[in-house]
């Protein structure tokens, strides 16, 4: 396996691991956080997931890795499924709002990261 494919697998794997741990944390698998639900949701959804998507997207873009353009779509789909996994006890209108918001919270930073990394890679190649 080439170095670019290895880096792609590592980047996808790190993101999947972080997102999986956040999902399990939001579901209460690691213990109850009664009274702090909104804080935990904001910490994971609005800080950790976008930063993870942006940073890994930049790394994948800079290195010109295998399947770098697929990265935003894969984790964008995960973000759409996340509200169903975590808030399955709420009604569908609640879930629709969070599906749309989480799609943009993960998809846009990942896409911007891949574009920024690709631009950095392009300017590096010119020198």
N, C-alpha and C. Protein backbone atom coordinates (compact mmCIF):
# COMPACT_ATOMS: atom_id res chain seq x y z
N UNK A 1 0.86 -1.18 0.00
CA UNK A 1 0.00 0.00 0.00
C UNK A 1 0.90 1.24 0.00
N UNK A 2 0.56 2.20 -0.84
CA UNK A 2 1.37 3.41 -0.92
C UNK A 2 1.17 4.29 0.31
N UNK A 3 2.08 5.24 0.47
CA UNK A 3 2.03 6.13 1.63
C UNK A 3 0.77 6.99 1.62
N UNK A 4 0.33 7.41 0.42
CA UNK A 4 -0.89 8.23 0.33
C UNK A 4 -2.12 7.45 0.77
N UNK A 5 -2.19 6.18 0.38
CA UNK A 5 -3.34 5.37 0.78
C UNK A 5 -3.31 5.10 2.28
N UNK A 6 -2.12 4.88 2.84
CA UNK A 6 -1.99 4.67 4.28
C UNK A 6 -2.45 5.92 5.04
N UNK A 7 -2.03 7.09 4.57
CA UNK A 7 -2.43 8.33 5.23
C UNK A 7 -3.93 8.54 5.13
N UNK A 8 -4.53 8.17 4.01
CA UNK A 8 -5.98 8.26 3.87
C UNK A 8 -6.68 7.37 4.88
N UNK A 9 -6.21 6.14 4.99
CA UNK A 9 -6.82 5.20 5.93
C UNK A 9 -6.65 5.70 7.35
N UNK A 10 -5.49 6.23 7.68
CA UNK A 10 -5.25 6.76 9.03
C UNK A 10 -6.15 7.97 9.29
N UNK A 11 -6.27 8.89 8.33
CA UNK A 11 -7.12 10.08 8.49
C UNK A 11 -8.58 9.72 8.68
N UNK A 12 -9.07 8.82 7.83
CA UNK A 12 -10.46 8.36 7.96
C UNK A 12 -10.65 7.63 9.28
N UNK A 13 -9.68 6.82 9.67
CA UNK A 13 -9.77 6.05 10.91
C UNK A 13 -9.79 6.93 12.14
N UNK A 14 -8.94 7.95 12.18
CA UNK A 14 -8.92 8.87 13.33
C UNK A 14 -10.24 9.60 13.44
N UNK A 15 -10.74 10.10 12.32
CA UNK A 15 -12.02 10.81 12.35
C UNK A 15 -13.15 9.89 12.78
N UNK A 16 -13.19 8.69 12.24
CA UNK A 16 -14.24 7.73 12.61
C UNK A 16 -14.17 7.39 14.10
N UNK A 17 -12.97 7.21 14.62
CA UNK A 17 -12.80 6.89 16.03
C UNK A 17 -13.29 8.03 16.92
N UNK A 18 -12.90 9.26 16.60
CA UNK A 18 -13.32 10.42 17.39
C UNK A 18 -14.84 10.58 17.32
N UNK A 19 -15.42 10.47 16.14
CA UNK A 19 -16.86 10.61 15.99
C UNK A 19 -17.60 9.49 16.71
N UNK A 20 -17.07 8.27 16.66
CA UNK A 20 -17.70 7.15 17.36
C UNK A 20 -17.67 7.37 18.87
N UNK A 21 -16.55 7.82 19.40
CA UNK A 21 -16.45 8.07 20.84
C UNK A 21 -17.42 9.19 21.26
N UNK A 22 -17.53 10.23 20.43
CA UNK A 22 -18.48 11.31 20.73
C UNK A 22 -19.92 10.80 20.70
N UNK A 23 -20.23 9.95 19.73
CA UNK A 23 -21.58 9.39 19.64
C UNK A 23 -21.89 8.55 20.87
N UNK A 24 -20.97 7.71 21.26
CA UNK A 24 -21.18 6.89 22.46
C UNK A 24 -21.29 7.74 23.71
N UNK A 25 -20.52 8.81 23.77
CA UNK A 25 -20.58 9.73 24.91
C UNK A 25 -21.94 10.42 24.96
N UNK A 26 -22.42 10.87 23.80
CA UNK A 26 -23.73 11.52 23.75
C UNK A 26 -24.86 10.56 24.10
N UNK A 27 -24.68 9.29 23.78
CA UNK A 27 -25.71 8.29 24.09
C UNK A 27 -25.68 7.89 25.57
N UNK A 28 -24.66 8.32 26.29
CA UNK A 28 -24.58 8.01 27.71
C UNK A 28 -23.92 6.69 28.02
N UNK A 29 -23.19 6.13 27.08
CA UNK A 29 -22.53 4.83 27.30
C UNK A 29 -21.45 4.94 28.37
N UNK A 30 -20.77 6.07 28.44
CA UNK A 30 -19.67 6.24 29.38
C UNK A 30 -20.14 6.80 30.72
N UNK A 31 -21.42 6.80 30.95
CA UNK A 31 -21.96 7.31 32.20
C UNK A 31 -22.99 8.38 31.93
N UNK A 32 -23.77 8.65 32.93
CA UNK A 32 -24.83 9.64 32.79
C UNK A 32 -24.29 11.04 33.03
N UNK A 33 -24.79 11.97 32.28
CA UNK A 33 -24.44 13.37 32.47
C UNK A 33 -25.71 14.18 32.67
N UNK A 34 -26.53 13.73 33.58
CA UNK A 34 -27.82 14.34 33.83
C UNK A 34 -27.67 15.81 34.18
N UNK A 35 -28.40 16.63 33.47
CA UNK A 35 -28.37 18.07 33.69
C UNK A 35 -27.39 18.80 32.80
N UNK A 36 -26.46 18.09 32.20
CA UNK A 36 -25.44 18.70 31.36
C UNK A 36 -25.58 18.33 29.89
N UNK A 37 -26.75 17.87 29.49
CA UNK A 37 -26.93 17.37 28.13
C UNK A 37 -26.62 18.42 27.08
N UNK A 38 -27.09 19.62 27.26
CA UNK A 38 -26.89 20.65 26.25
C UNK A 38 -25.43 21.05 26.16
N UNK A 39 -24.74 21.08 27.28
CA UNK A 39 -23.31 21.40 27.27
C UNK A 39 -22.50 20.33 26.56
N UNK A 40 -22.84 19.08 26.82
CA UNK A 40 -22.15 17.97 26.16
C UNK A 40 -22.42 18.01 24.66
N UNK A 41 -23.67 18.29 24.29
CA UNK A 41 -24.03 18.36 22.86
C UNK A 41 -23.25 19.48 22.17
N UNK A 42 -23.21 20.67 22.79
CA UNK A 42 -22.49 21.79 22.18
C UNK A 42 -21.00 21.51 22.09
N UNK A 43 -20.43 20.93 23.13
CA UNK A 43 -19.01 20.62 23.11
C UNK A 43 -18.66 19.67 21.99
N UNK A 44 -19.45 18.64 21.84
CA UNK A 44 -19.12 17.64 20.82
C UNK A 44 -19.51 18.08 19.42
N UNK A 45 -20.70 18.61 19.25
CA UNK A 45 -21.21 18.90 17.91
C UNK A 45 -20.68 20.20 17.33
N UNK A 46 -20.51 21.21 18.16
CA UNK A 46 -20.16 22.52 17.62
C UNK A 46 -18.70 22.90 17.81
N UNK A 47 -17.94 22.07 18.52
CA UNK A 47 -16.52 22.37 18.69
C UNK A 47 -15.66 21.21 18.19
N UNK A 48 -15.83 20.04 18.77
CA UNK A 48 -14.94 18.92 18.48
C UNK A 48 -15.10 18.40 17.06
N UNK A 49 -16.32 18.16 16.60
CA UNK A 49 -16.51 17.58 15.27
C UNK A 49 -16.07 18.52 14.14
N UNK A 50 -16.39 19.81 14.18
CA UNK A 50 -15.90 20.68 13.10
C UNK A 50 -14.39 20.83 13.09
N UNK A 51 -13.78 20.93 14.27
CA UNK A 51 -12.32 21.07 14.32
C UNK A 51 -11.65 19.81 13.81
N UNK A 52 -12.16 18.65 14.20
CA UNK A 52 -11.62 17.39 13.71
C UNK A 52 -11.74 17.30 12.19
N UNK A 53 -12.91 17.64 11.67
CA UNK A 53 -13.12 17.58 10.21
C UNK A 53 -12.19 18.54 9.48
N UNK A 54 -12.02 19.73 10.00
CA UNK A 54 -11.17 20.72 9.35
C UNK A 54 -9.71 20.29 9.36
N UNK A 55 -9.21 19.87 10.50
CA UNK A 55 -7.80 19.51 10.62
C UNK A 55 -7.46 18.29 9.77
N UNK A 56 -8.26 17.24 9.86
CA UNK A 56 -7.99 16.04 9.07
C UNK A 56 -8.17 16.35 7.58
N UNK A 57 -9.15 17.19 7.24
CA UNK A 57 -9.33 17.59 5.84
C UNK A 57 -8.11 18.32 5.29
N UNK A 58 -7.53 19.21 6.09
CA UNK A 58 -6.32 19.93 5.66
C UNK A 58 -5.17 18.95 5.46
N UNK A 59 -5.01 18.03 6.40
CA UNK A 59 -3.92 17.05 6.29
C UNK A 59 -4.09 16.20 5.04
N UNK A 60 -5.31 15.72 4.79
CA UNK A 60 -5.55 14.91 3.60
C UNK A 60 -5.32 15.72 2.33
N UNK A 61 -5.72 16.98 2.34
CA UNK A 61 -5.54 17.83 1.16
C UNK A 61 -4.09 18.18 0.90
N UNK A 62 -3.33 18.47 1.95
CA UNK A 62 -1.93 18.84 1.79
C UNK A 62 -1.12 17.68 1.24
N UNK A 63 -1.40 16.50 1.72
CA UNK A 63 -0.64 15.32 1.29
C UNK A 63 -1.12 14.76 -0.05
N UNK A 64 -2.23 15.28 -0.57
CA UNK A 64 -2.74 14.79 -1.84
C UNK A 64 -3.11 13.32 -1.79
N UNK A 65 -3.79 12.94 -0.74
CA UNK A 65 -4.05 11.53 -0.48
C UNK A 65 -5.12 10.94 -1.38
N UNK A 66 -5.19 9.63 -1.31
CA UNK A 66 -6.15 8.83 -2.04
C UNK A 66 -7.55 9.11 -1.48
N UNK A 67 -8.52 9.37 -2.31
CA UNK A 67 -9.92 9.61 -1.93
C UNK A 67 -10.10 10.82 -1.01
N UNK A 68 -9.28 11.86 -1.17
CA UNK A 68 -9.43 13.03 -0.31
C UNK A 68 -10.75 13.76 -0.54
N UNK A 69 -11.27 13.73 -1.76
CA UNK A 69 -12.51 14.44 -2.06
C UNK A 69 -13.74 13.70 -1.55
N UNK A 70 -13.59 12.46 -1.19
CA UNK A 70 -14.70 11.69 -0.65
C UNK A 70 -14.88 11.94 0.86
N UNK A 71 -13.84 12.41 1.50
CA UNK A 71 -13.84 12.62 2.96
C UNK A 71 -15.02 13.46 3.46
N UNK A 72 -15.29 14.65 2.90
CA UNK A 72 -16.43 15.44 3.41
C UNK A 72 -17.77 14.72 3.27
N UNK A 73 -17.94 13.97 2.21
CA UNK A 73 -19.21 13.29 1.97
C UNK A 73 -19.42 12.12 2.93
N UNK A 74 -18.37 11.37 3.19
CA UNK A 74 -18.48 10.23 4.10
C UNK A 74 -18.88 10.69 5.49
N UNK A 75 -18.20 11.70 6.02
CA UNK A 75 -18.52 12.13 7.37
C UNK A 75 -19.71 13.08 7.40
N UNK A 76 -20.07 13.66 6.27
CA UNK A 76 -21.34 14.39 6.18
C UNK A 76 -22.52 13.45 6.33
N UNK A 77 -22.43 12.27 5.72
CA UNK A 77 -23.49 11.26 5.86
C UNK A 77 -23.56 10.78 7.31
N UNK A 78 -22.40 10.60 7.92
CA UNK A 78 -22.39 10.21 9.34
C UNK A 78 -23.10 11.27 10.19
N UNK A 79 -22.85 12.53 9.87
CA UNK A 79 -23.47 13.61 10.64
C UNK A 79 -24.98 13.63 10.46
N UNK A 80 -25.46 13.23 9.30
CA UNK A 80 -26.90 13.16 9.08
C UNK A 80 -27.51 12.03 9.92
N UNK A 81 -26.79 10.95 10.07
CA UNK A 81 -27.29 9.80 10.84
C UNK A 81 -27.15 9.99 12.36
N UNK A 82 -26.27 10.88 12.78
CA UNK A 82 -26.00 11.05 14.21
C UNK A 82 -27.22 11.41 15.05
N UNK A 83 -28.06 12.36 14.64
CA UNK A 83 -29.23 12.66 15.48
C UNK A 83 -30.16 11.46 15.67
N UNK A 84 -30.28 10.60 14.67
CA UNK A 84 -31.11 9.40 14.84
C UNK A 84 -30.50 8.45 15.86
N UNK A 85 -29.19 8.39 15.91
CA UNK A 85 -28.53 7.51 16.87
C UNK A 85 -28.64 8.03 18.30
N UNK A 86 -28.55 9.34 18.45
CA UNK A 86 -28.50 9.94 19.78
C UNK A 86 -29.88 10.31 20.31
N UNK A 87 -30.70 10.94 19.48
CA UNK A 87 -31.97 11.48 19.95
C UNK A 87 -33.15 10.72 19.37
N UNK A 88 -33.09 9.43 19.39
CA UNK A 88 -34.14 8.60 18.80
C UNK A 88 -35.46 8.73 19.54
N UNK A 89 -35.46 9.26 20.73
CA UNK A 89 -36.70 9.35 21.51
C UNK A 89 -37.49 10.63 21.22
N UNK A 90 -36.96 11.51 20.37
CA UNK A 90 -37.65 12.76 20.05
C UNK A 90 -38.44 12.62 18.76
N UNK A 91 -39.24 13.64 18.48
CA UNK A 91 -40.07 13.58 17.27
C UNK A 91 -39.27 13.87 16.00
N UNK A 92 -39.87 13.66 14.86
CA UNK A 92 -39.16 13.75 13.60
C UNK A 92 -38.79 15.18 13.22
N UNK A 93 -39.57 16.19 13.63
CA UNK A 93 -39.22 17.56 13.28
C UNK A 93 -37.96 17.98 14.02
N UNK A 94 -37.79 17.53 15.24
CA UNK A 94 -36.57 17.78 15.98
C UNK A 94 -35.38 17.15 15.27
N UNK A 95 -35.54 15.91 14.85
CA UNK A 95 -34.47 15.22 14.17
C UNK A 95 -34.13 15.86 12.84
N UNK A 96 -35.13 16.35 12.10
CA UNK A 96 -34.86 16.98 10.81
C UNK A 96 -33.99 18.21 10.99
N UNK A 97 -34.28 19.04 12.01
CA UNK A 97 -33.49 20.23 12.26
C UNK A 97 -32.03 19.85 12.53
N UNK A 98 -31.83 18.88 13.38
CA UNK A 98 -30.46 18.49 13.72
C UNK A 98 -29.76 17.77 12.58
N UNK A 99 -30.50 17.07 11.74
CA UNK A 99 -29.88 16.43 10.58
C UNK A 99 -29.30 17.49 9.64
N UNK A 100 -30.07 18.53 9.40
CA UNK A 100 -29.61 19.59 8.51
C UNK A 100 -28.44 20.34 9.14
N UNK A 101 -28.54 20.68 10.42
CA UNK A 101 -27.48 21.45 11.06
C UNK A 101 -26.19 20.63 11.18
N UNK A 102 -26.30 19.35 11.54
CA UNK A 102 -25.08 18.56 11.68
C UNK A 102 -24.42 18.27 10.33
N UNK A 103 -25.21 18.22 9.28
CA UNK A 103 -24.62 18.04 7.96
C UNK A 103 -23.68 19.20 7.66
N UNK A 104 -24.12 20.41 7.92
CA UNK A 104 -23.27 21.57 7.63
C UNK A 104 -22.16 21.74 8.65
N UNK A 105 -22.37 21.28 9.88
CA UNK A 105 -21.34 21.41 10.91
C UNK A 105 -20.15 20.51 10.59
N UNK A 106 -20.37 19.39 9.95
CA UNK A 106 -19.28 18.48 9.62
C UNK A 106 -18.85 18.63 8.16
N UNK A 107 -19.79 18.75 7.25
CA UNK A 107 -19.48 18.77 5.81
C UNK A 107 -18.69 20.01 5.40
N UNK A 108 -19.14 21.17 5.81
CA UNK A 108 -18.49 22.42 5.39
C UNK A 108 -17.05 22.52 5.90
N UNK A 109 -16.76 22.28 7.21
CA UNK A 109 -15.35 22.33 7.62
C UNK A 109 -14.48 21.29 6.92
N UNK A 110 -15.01 20.10 6.70
CA UNK A 110 -14.23 19.07 6.01
C UNK A 110 -13.94 19.48 4.57
N UNK A 111 -14.94 20.02 3.89
CA UNK A 111 -14.75 20.46 2.51
C UNK A 111 -13.77 21.63 2.45
N UNK A 112 -13.90 22.59 3.36
CA UNK A 112 -12.96 23.71 3.40
C UNK A 112 -11.54 23.23 3.70
N UNK A 113 -11.43 22.25 4.59
CA UNK A 113 -10.12 21.71 4.92
C UNK A 113 -9.47 21.04 3.73
N UNK A 114 -10.23 20.25 2.99
CA UNK A 114 -9.67 19.57 1.81
C UNK A 114 -9.29 20.60 0.75
N UNK A 115 -10.13 21.62 0.52
CA UNK A 115 -9.79 22.66 -0.44
C UNK A 115 -8.54 23.43 -0.02
N UNK A 116 -8.48 23.81 1.26
CA UNK A 116 -7.31 24.54 1.76
C UNK A 116 -6.05 23.70 1.63
N UNK A 117 -6.14 22.43 1.99
CA UNK A 117 -4.99 21.54 1.86
C UNK A 117 -4.56 21.36 0.42
N UNK A 118 -5.53 21.25 -0.50
CA UNK A 118 -5.20 21.11 -1.92
C UNK A 118 -4.52 22.37 -2.45
N UNK A 119 -4.99 23.54 -1.99
CA UNK A 119 -4.34 24.80 -2.40
C UNK A 119 -2.92 24.89 -1.86
N UNK A 120 -2.73 24.50 -0.61
CA UNK A 120 -1.39 24.51 -0.03
C UNK A 120 -0.49 23.56 -0.81
N UNK A 121 -1.00 22.39 -1.13
CA UNK A 121 -0.23 21.40 -1.90
C UNK A 121 0.12 21.95 -3.29
N UNK A 122 -0.82 22.65 -3.90
CA UNK A 122 -0.58 23.22 -5.24
C UNK A 122 0.50 24.29 -5.19
N UNK A 123 0.44 25.17 -4.19
CA UNK A 123 1.44 26.23 -4.08
C UNK A 123 2.82 25.68 -3.69
N UNK A 124 2.85 24.61 -2.93
CA UNK A 124 4.11 23.96 -2.59
C UNK A 124 4.76 23.36 -3.83
N UNK A 125 3.94 22.79 -4.70
CA UNK A 125 4.45 22.13 -5.91
C UNK A 125 5.06 23.14 -6.88
N UNK A 126 4.60 24.37 -6.85
CA UNK A 126 5.13 25.40 -7.75
C UNK A 126 6.57 25.77 -7.41
N UNK A 127 6.94 25.67 -6.15
CA UNK A 127 8.27 26.10 -5.73
C UNK A 127 9.33 25.12 -6.05
